[in-house]
Each structure stands twice: as C-alpha cells, then as structure tokens.
Amino acid sequence: QVQLVESGGGLVQAGGSLGLSCAASGTRSSISTMGWYRQAPGKQRELVATITRGGITNYADSVKGRFAISRDNARNTVYLQMNSLKPEDTAIYFCNVAVPCKGIYWGQGTQVTVSS
C-alpha cells in the first residue's frame, strides 16, 4: 500500500514563503508523475503543479513564476516551494503521485493559510 506523508504548510503573511514536502513509501515501483493540488473552501480541487520523473514541470497559470516544484527520485519525495504568497493561495494542499500498474494516490492534505 502506497502511503504519502506530507509536511510543511502553516500560516504566513502575504508576500511570504512556505515549503511543502511529500514522501511516498510502500512501493518498489518507480513513481511517474508527482504533483500538488489544492482545494479552497467552497471550491473544487485544482491543479497547482506537476513534475514527471524526468523533471518536466507543469504549473497552473495562477502560480507560475511564484511556485516551484521539484522532486528527489531516490527518496520518492516531491517538494513545492511557494513564494510571494497571496491570500487567494489559502487552501488545503494535497500531494498526488502516480505509480504505474498500481494507481493514483493522494496525501492527507496540509493547510496553507495566507493572511492579508
């Protein structure tokens, strides 16, 4: 059973920075795409950023230039560095990984709150 453990998040003032990390365990298979999604109160879950095993990244327009996703394949860990945070970035952030022949897995979510 693949398990994801997220860390980071918290409360920060607008313009500040936060970092998230998500470590995957329970699989000997190589993890393909890893990513971060977020869900604000009353809104649908949305893509924040993804990164392939080879390092190709994709970002939501709303975070381009402010957020950076990276990964450590040896540690099965994905990171999200969030800079120039805005109140509208406030949401629960979820880690997501795709394991070939096994499926898609989600983390438990971590709260990010940006105060104005």
N, C-alpha and C. Protein backbone atom coordinates (compact mmCIF):
# COMPACT_ATOMS: atom_id res chain seq x y z
N GLN A 1 0.84 -1.19 0.00
CA GLN A 1 0.00 0.00 0.00
C GLN A 1 0.88 1.24 0.00
N VAL A 2 0.67 2.09 -0.98
CA VAL A 2 1.45 3.32 -1.07
C VAL A 2 0.92 4.32 -0.04
N GLN A 3 1.84 4.90 0.69
CA GLN A 3 1.47 5.92 1.66
C GLN A 3 2.22 7.21 1.38
N LEU A 4 1.52 8.32 1.56
CA LEU A 4 2.12 9.63 1.34
C LEU A 4 2.08 10.41 2.65
N VAL A 5 3.21 10.96 3.01
CA VAL A 5 3.30 11.76 4.23
C VAL A 5 3.71 13.17 3.85
N GLU A 6 2.82 14.11 4.10
CA GLU A 6 3.07 15.50 3.76
C GLU A 6 3.59 16.24 4.98
N SER A 7 4.37 17.26 4.74
CA SER A 7 4.82 18.13 5.81
C SER A 7 4.98 19.54 5.25
N GLY A 8 5.03 20.49 6.15
CA GLY A 8 5.11 21.88 5.76
C GLY A 8 3.75 22.53 5.88
N GLY A 9 3.61 23.67 5.25
CA GLY A 9 2.36 24.39 5.37
C GLY A 9 2.33 25.22 6.63
N GLY A 10 1.18 25.85 6.86
CA GLY A 10 1.05 26.68 8.05
C GLY A 10 0.47 28.04 7.69
N LEU A 11 0.78 29.01 8.56
CA LEU A 11 0.24 30.37 8.40
C LEU A 11 1.38 31.32 8.04
N VAL A 12 1.15 32.15 7.04
CA VAL A 12 2.16 33.11 6.62
C VAL A 12 1.46 34.38 6.16
N GLN A 13 2.17 35.48 6.24
CA GLN A 13 1.62 36.74 5.76
C GLN A 13 1.77 36.82 4.24
N ALA A 14 0.92 37.61 3.64
CA ALA A 14 1.00 37.82 2.19
C ALA A 14 2.40 38.31 1.82
N GLY A 15 2.92 37.76 0.74
CA GLY A 15 4.27 38.08 0.31
C GLY A 15 5.33 37.16 0.86
N GLY A 16 4.95 36.33 1.80
CA GLY A 16 5.89 35.40 2.42
C GLY A 16 6.06 34.12 1.62
N SER A 17 6.81 33.20 2.21
CA SER A 17 7.13 31.93 1.55
C SER A 17 6.86 30.75 2.47
N LEU A 18 6.54 29.64 1.85
CA LEU A 18 6.37 28.38 2.58
C LEU A 18 6.86 27.26 1.68
N GLY A 19 7.25 26.15 2.32
CA GLY A 19 7.64 24.98 1.56
C GLY A 19 6.87 23.76 2.01
N LEU A 20 6.50 22.94 1.06
CA LEU A 20 5.80 21.69 1.34
C LEU A 20 6.66 20.53 0.85
N SER A 21 6.53 19.40 1.51
CA SER A 21 7.18 18.19 1.03
C SER A 21 6.23 17.02 1.20
N CYS A 22 6.44 16.01 0.39
CA CYS A 22 5.59 14.82 0.42
C CYS A 22 6.46 13.61 0.10
N ALA A 23 6.54 12.69 1.05
CA ALA A 23 7.35 11.49 0.88
C ALA A 23 6.45 10.28 0.67
N ALA A 24 6.75 9.53 -0.38
CA ALA A 24 5.98 8.32 -0.68
C ALA A 24 6.72 7.08 -0.21
N SER A 25 5.97 6.14 0.33
CA SER A 25 6.57 4.88 0.76
C SER A 25 5.61 3.74 0.42
N GLY A 26 6.13 2.53 0.52
CA GLY A 26 5.28 1.37 0.30
C GLY A 26 5.23 0.87 -1.12
N THR A 27 6.16 1.33 -1.94
CA THR A 27 6.21 0.83 -3.31
C THR A 27 7.64 0.65 -3.75
N ARG A 28 7.87 -0.42 -4.48
CA ARG A 28 9.18 -0.64 -5.08
C ARG A 28 9.18 -0.22 -6.54
N SER A 29 8.00 0.12 -7.02
CA SER A 29 7.88 0.59 -8.40
C SER A 29 8.31 2.03 -8.50
N SER A 30 8.83 2.41 -9.64
CA SER A 30 9.20 3.81 -9.85
C SER A 30 7.94 4.65 -9.94
N ILE A 31 7.96 5.76 -9.29
CA ILE A 31 6.83 6.68 -9.33
C ILE A 31 6.96 7.54 -10.57
N SER A 32 5.89 7.67 -11.33
CA SER A 32 5.96 8.52 -12.52
C SER A 32 5.67 9.96 -12.12
N THR A 33 4.53 10.47 -12.48
CA THR A 33 4.24 11.88 -12.19
C THR A 33 3.90 12.10 -10.72
N MET A 34 4.44 13.17 -10.18
CA MET A 34 4.12 13.61 -8.82
C MET A 34 3.59 15.04 -8.92
N GLY A 35 2.72 15.40 -8.01
CA GLY A 35 2.17 16.74 -8.12
C GLY A 35 1.52 17.24 -6.86
N TRP A 36 1.08 18.47 -6.95
CA TRP A 36 0.36 19.13 -5.86
C TRP A 36 -0.95 19.69 -6.41
N TYR A 37 -1.99 19.51 -5.63
CA TYR A 37 -3.29 20.09 -5.92
C TYR A 37 -3.73 20.86 -4.68
N ARG A 38 -4.73 21.70 -4.84
CA ARG A 38 -5.24 22.42 -3.69
C ARG A 38 -6.75 22.58 -3.77
N GLN A 39 -7.34 22.75 -2.61
CA GLN A 39 -8.79 22.95 -2.55
C GLN A 39 -9.10 24.01 -1.52
N ALA A 40 -9.67 25.10 -1.98
CA ALA A 40 -10.09 26.19 -1.11
C ALA A 40 -11.53 25.93 -0.67
N PRO A 41 -11.95 26.53 0.43
CA PRO A 41 -13.32 26.33 0.91
C PRO A 41 -14.35 26.69 -0.15
N GLY A 42 -15.27 25.78 -0.38
CA GLY A 42 -16.33 26.04 -1.34
C GLY A 42 -15.93 25.91 -2.80
N LYS A 43 -14.70 25.48 -3.04
CA LYS A 43 -14.23 25.35 -4.42
C LYS A 43 -13.79 23.93 -4.72
N GLN A 44 -13.68 23.64 -6.00
CA GLN A 44 -13.22 22.31 -6.41
C GLN A 44 -11.71 22.21 -6.28
N ARG A 45 -11.24 21.00 -6.13
CA ARG A 45 -9.81 20.76 -6.09
C ARG A 45 -9.21 21.13 -7.45
N GLU A 46 -8.07 21.80 -7.41
CA GLU A 46 -7.46 22.24 -8.66
C GLU A 46 -5.98 21.91 -8.68
N LEU A 47 -5.46 21.77 -9.89
CA LEU A 47 -4.05 21.51 -10.09
C LEU A 47 -3.22 22.72 -9.69
N VAL A 48 -2.12 22.46 -8.99
CA VAL A 48 -1.14 23.51 -8.70
C VAL A 48 0.08 23.31 -9.59
N ALA A 49 0.67 22.13 -9.50
CA ALA A 49 1.87 21.84 -10.28
C ALA A 49 2.11 20.34 -10.32
N THR A 50 2.73 19.90 -11.42
CA THR A 50 3.13 18.50 -11.53
C THR A 50 4.55 18.43 -12.06
N ILE A 51 5.17 17.29 -11.83
CA ILE A 51 6.52 17.07 -12.33
C ILE A 51 6.67 15.59 -12.69
N THR A 52 7.20 15.34 -13.86
CA THR A 52 7.42 13.96 -14.30
C THR A 52 8.70 13.42 -13.68
N ARG A 53 8.89 12.14 -13.84
CA ARG A 53 10.10 11.52 -13.31
C ARG A 53 11.35 12.13 -13.92
N GLY A 54 11.21 12.55 -15.17
CA GLY A 54 12.35 13.16 -15.87
C GLY A 54 12.52 14.64 -15.59
N GLY A 55 11.61 15.21 -14.80
CA GLY A 55 11.78 16.60 -14.40
C GLY A 55 11.00 17.62 -15.20
N ILE A 56 10.10 17.17 -16.06
CA ILE A 56 9.28 18.11 -16.82
C ILE A 56 8.17 18.62 -15.91
N THR A 57 8.04 19.93 -15.84
CA THR A 57 7.09 20.54 -14.91
C THR A 57 5.92 21.18 -15.64
N ASN A 58 4.83 21.30 -14.91
CA ASN A 58 3.63 21.96 -15.41
C ASN A 58 3.02 22.73 -14.25
N TYR A 59 2.62 23.98 -14.50
CA TYR A 59 2.08 24.82 -13.43
C TYR A 59 0.73 25.42 -13.83
N ALA A 60 -0.09 25.62 -12.84
CA ALA A 60 -1.30 26.41 -13.05
C ALA A 60 -0.87 27.84 -13.33
N ASP A 61 -1.62 28.51 -14.18
CA ASP A 61 -1.28 29.89 -14.53
C ASP A 61 -1.21 30.78 -13.29
N SER A 62 -2.04 30.50 -12.33
CA SER A 62 -2.12 31.35 -11.14
C SER A 62 -0.88 31.30 -10.26
N VAL A 63 -0.03 30.27 -10.45
CA VAL A 63 1.15 30.15 -9.59
C VAL A 63 2.46 30.26 -10.36
N LYS A 64 2.38 30.36 -11.67
CA LYS A 64 3.60 30.44 -12.48
C LYS A 64 4.45 31.64 -12.05
N GLY A 65 5.73 31.39 -11.91
CA GLY A 65 6.65 32.44 -11.51
C GLY A 65 6.75 32.63 -10.01
N ARG A 66 5.85 32.00 -9.25
CA ARG A 66 5.87 32.15 -7.79
C ARG A 66 6.16 30.82 -7.09
N PHE A 67 5.67 29.73 -7.65
CA PHE A 67 5.85 28.40 -7.05
C PHE A 67 6.85 27.61 -7.87
N ALA A 68 7.55 26.71 -7.19
CA ALA A 68 8.49 25.82 -7.87
C ALA A 68 8.34 24.42 -7.32
N ILE A 69 8.12 23.47 -8.24
CA ILE A 69 8.00 22.07 -7.84
C ILE A 69 9.30 21.35 -8.18
N SER A 70 9.70 20.44 -7.33
CA SER A 70 10.90 19.65 -7.57
C SER A 70 10.71 18.28 -6.93
N ARG A 71 11.61 17.35 -7.24
CA ARG A 71 11.48 16.02 -6.68
C ARG A 71 12.84 15.38 -6.51
N ASP A 72 12.88 14.43 -5.59
CA ASP A 72 14.07 13.62 -5.36
C ASP A 72 13.66 12.18 -5.62
N ASN A 73 14.03 11.65 -6.77
CA ASN A 73 13.58 10.30 -7.14
C ASN A 73 14.13 9.23 -6.20
N ALA A 74 15.32 9.42 -5.70
CA ALA A 74 15.92 8.44 -4.81
C ALA A 74 15.15 8.34 -3.49
N ARG A 75 14.54 9.44 -3.10
CA ARG A 75 13.79 9.47 -1.84
C ARG A 75 12.28 9.43 -2.05
N ASN A 76 11.85 9.32 -3.31
CA ASN A 76 10.41 9.33 -3.62
C ASN A 76 9.70 10.50 -2.95
N THR A 77 10.31 11.65 -3.07
CA THR A 77 9.80 12.84 -2.40
C THR A 77 9.61 13.97 -3.40
N VAL A 78 8.51 14.67 -3.24
CA VAL A 78 8.22 15.84 -4.08
C VAL A 78 8.10 17.05 -3.17
N TYR A 79 8.56 18.18 -3.69
CA TYR A 79 8.59 19.42 -2.93
C TYR A 79 7.81 20.50 -3.68
N LEU A 80 7.32 21.47 -2.91
CA LEU A 80 6.69 22.64 -3.51
C LEU A 80 7.16 23.87 -2.73
N GLN A 81 7.94 24.70 -3.38
CA GLN A 81 8.37 25.95 -2.78
C GLN A 81 7.43 27.04 -3.25
N MET A 82 6.81 27.71 -2.29
CA MET A 82 5.82 28.73 -2.60
C MET A 82 6.33 30.08 -2.14
N ASN A 83 6.51 30.98 -3.09
CA ASN A 83 6.98 32.33 -2.80
C ASN A 83 5.92 33.36 -3.17
N SER A 84 6.09 34.56 -2.68
CA SER A 84 5.17 35.66 -2.98
C SER A 84 3.72 35.22 -2.79
N LEU A 85 3.47 34.61 -1.67
CA LEU A 85 2.14 34.05 -1.42
C LEU A 85 1.08 35.14 -1.31
N LYS A 86 -0.11 34.79 -1.78
CA LYS A 86 -1.25 35.70 -1.79
C LYS A 86 -2.39 35.09 -0.96
N PRO A 87 -3.27 35.91 -0.44
CA PRO A 87 -4.41 35.36 0.31
C PRO A 87 -5.19 34.33 -0.49
N GLU A 88 -5.27 34.50 -1.80
CA GLU A 88 -6.01 33.55 -2.63
C GLU A 88 -5.31 32.21 -2.77
N ASP A 89 -4.11 32.09 -2.27
CA ASP A 89 -3.41 30.80 -2.24
C ASP A 89 -3.85 29.96 -1.04
N THR A 90 -4.63 30.54 -0.17
CA THR A 90 -5.11 29.82 1.01
C THR A 90 -5.96 28.63 0.59
N ALA A 91 -5.57 27.45 1.06
CA ALA A 91 -6.26 26.22 0.68
C ALA A 91 -5.63 25.05 1.42
N ILE A 92 -6.27 23.90 1.29
CA ILE A 92 -5.63 22.66 1.70
C ILE A 92 -4.87 22.13 0.49
N TYR A 93 -3.61 21.83 0.68
CA TYR A 93 -2.76 21.35 -0.40
C TYR A 93 -2.58 19.84 -0.28
N PHE A 94 -2.80 19.16 -1.40
CA PHE A 94 -2.73 17.71 -1.44
C PHE A 94 -1.62 17.24 -2.37
N CYS A 95 -0.86 16.29 -1.90
CA CYS A 95 0.15 15.64 -2.71
C CYS A 95 -0.52 14.52 -3.53
N ASN A 96 -0.02 14.30 -4.73
CA ASN A 96 -0.60 13.29 -5.61
C ASN A 96 0.53 12.59 -6.34
N VAL A 97 0.49 11.25 -6.38
CA VAL A 97 1.51 10.51 -7.12
C VAL A 97 0.86 9.44 -7.95
N ALA A 98 1.49 9.14 -9.07
CA ALA A 98 1.03 8.08 -9.96
C ALA A 98 2.07 6.97 -9.96
N VAL A 99 1.63 5.76 -9.61
CA VAL A 99 2.51 4.60 -9.59
C VAL A 99 2.05 3.66 -10.68
N PRO A 100 2.86 3.45 -11.71
CA PRO A 100 2.46 2.58 -12.82
C PRO A 100 2.02 1.19 -12.34
N CYS A 101 0.92 0.74 -12.91
CA CYS A 101 0.32 -0.56 -12.61
C CYS A 101 -0.28 -0.65 -11.22
N LYS A 102 -0.26 0.45 -10.48
CA LYS A 102 -0.87 0.43 -9.14
C LYS A 102 -1.99 1.46 -9.02
N GLY A 103 -1.75 2.66 -9.47
CA GLY A 103 -2.80 3.66 -9.43
C GLY A 103 -2.33 5.03 -8.99
N ILE A 104 -3.33 5.85 -8.64
CA ILE A 104 -3.10 7.22 -8.21
C ILE A 104 -3.33 7.31 -6.71
N TYR A 105 -2.46 8.00 -6.03
CA TYR A 105 -2.56 8.11 -4.57
C TYR A 105 -2.53 9.56 -4.14
N TRP A 106 -3.25 9.83 -3.03
CA TRP A 106 -3.36 11.18 -2.50
C TRP A 106 -2.84 11.23 -1.07
N GLY A 107 -2.23 12.36 -0.74
CA GLY A 107 -1.86 12.61 0.64
C GLY A 107 -3.07 13.08 1.44
N GLN A 108 -2.86 13.25 2.73
CA GLN A 108 -3.98 13.62 3.61
C GLN A 108 -4.31 15.10 3.55
N GLY A 109 -3.42 15.88 2.97
CA GLY A 109 -3.65 17.31 2.85
C GLY A 109 -2.99 18.09 3.97
N THR A 110 -2.52 19.27 3.64
CA THR A 110 -1.91 20.16 4.63
C THR A 110 -2.42 21.58 4.39
N GLN A 111 -2.76 22.25 5.46
CA GLN A 111 -3.37 23.57 5.35
C GLN A 111 -2.32 24.65 5.12
N VAL A 112 -2.59 25.49 4.16
CA VAL A 112 -1.78 26.69 3.92
C VAL A 112 -2.72 27.88 4.04
N THR A 113 -2.38 28.80 4.95
CA THR A 113 -3.19 29.99 5.16
C THR A 113 -2.33 31.21 4.97
N VAL A 114 -2.78 32.11 4.10
CA VAL A 114 -2.05 33.33 3.82
C VAL A 114 -2.90 34.51 4.29
N SER A 115 -2.38 35.25 5.23
CA SER A 115 -3.13 36.38 5.77
C SER A 115 -2.77 37.65 5.02
N SER A 116 -3.73 38.53 4.93
CA SER A 116 -3.51 39.79 4.18
C SER A 116 -3.01 40.89 5.10
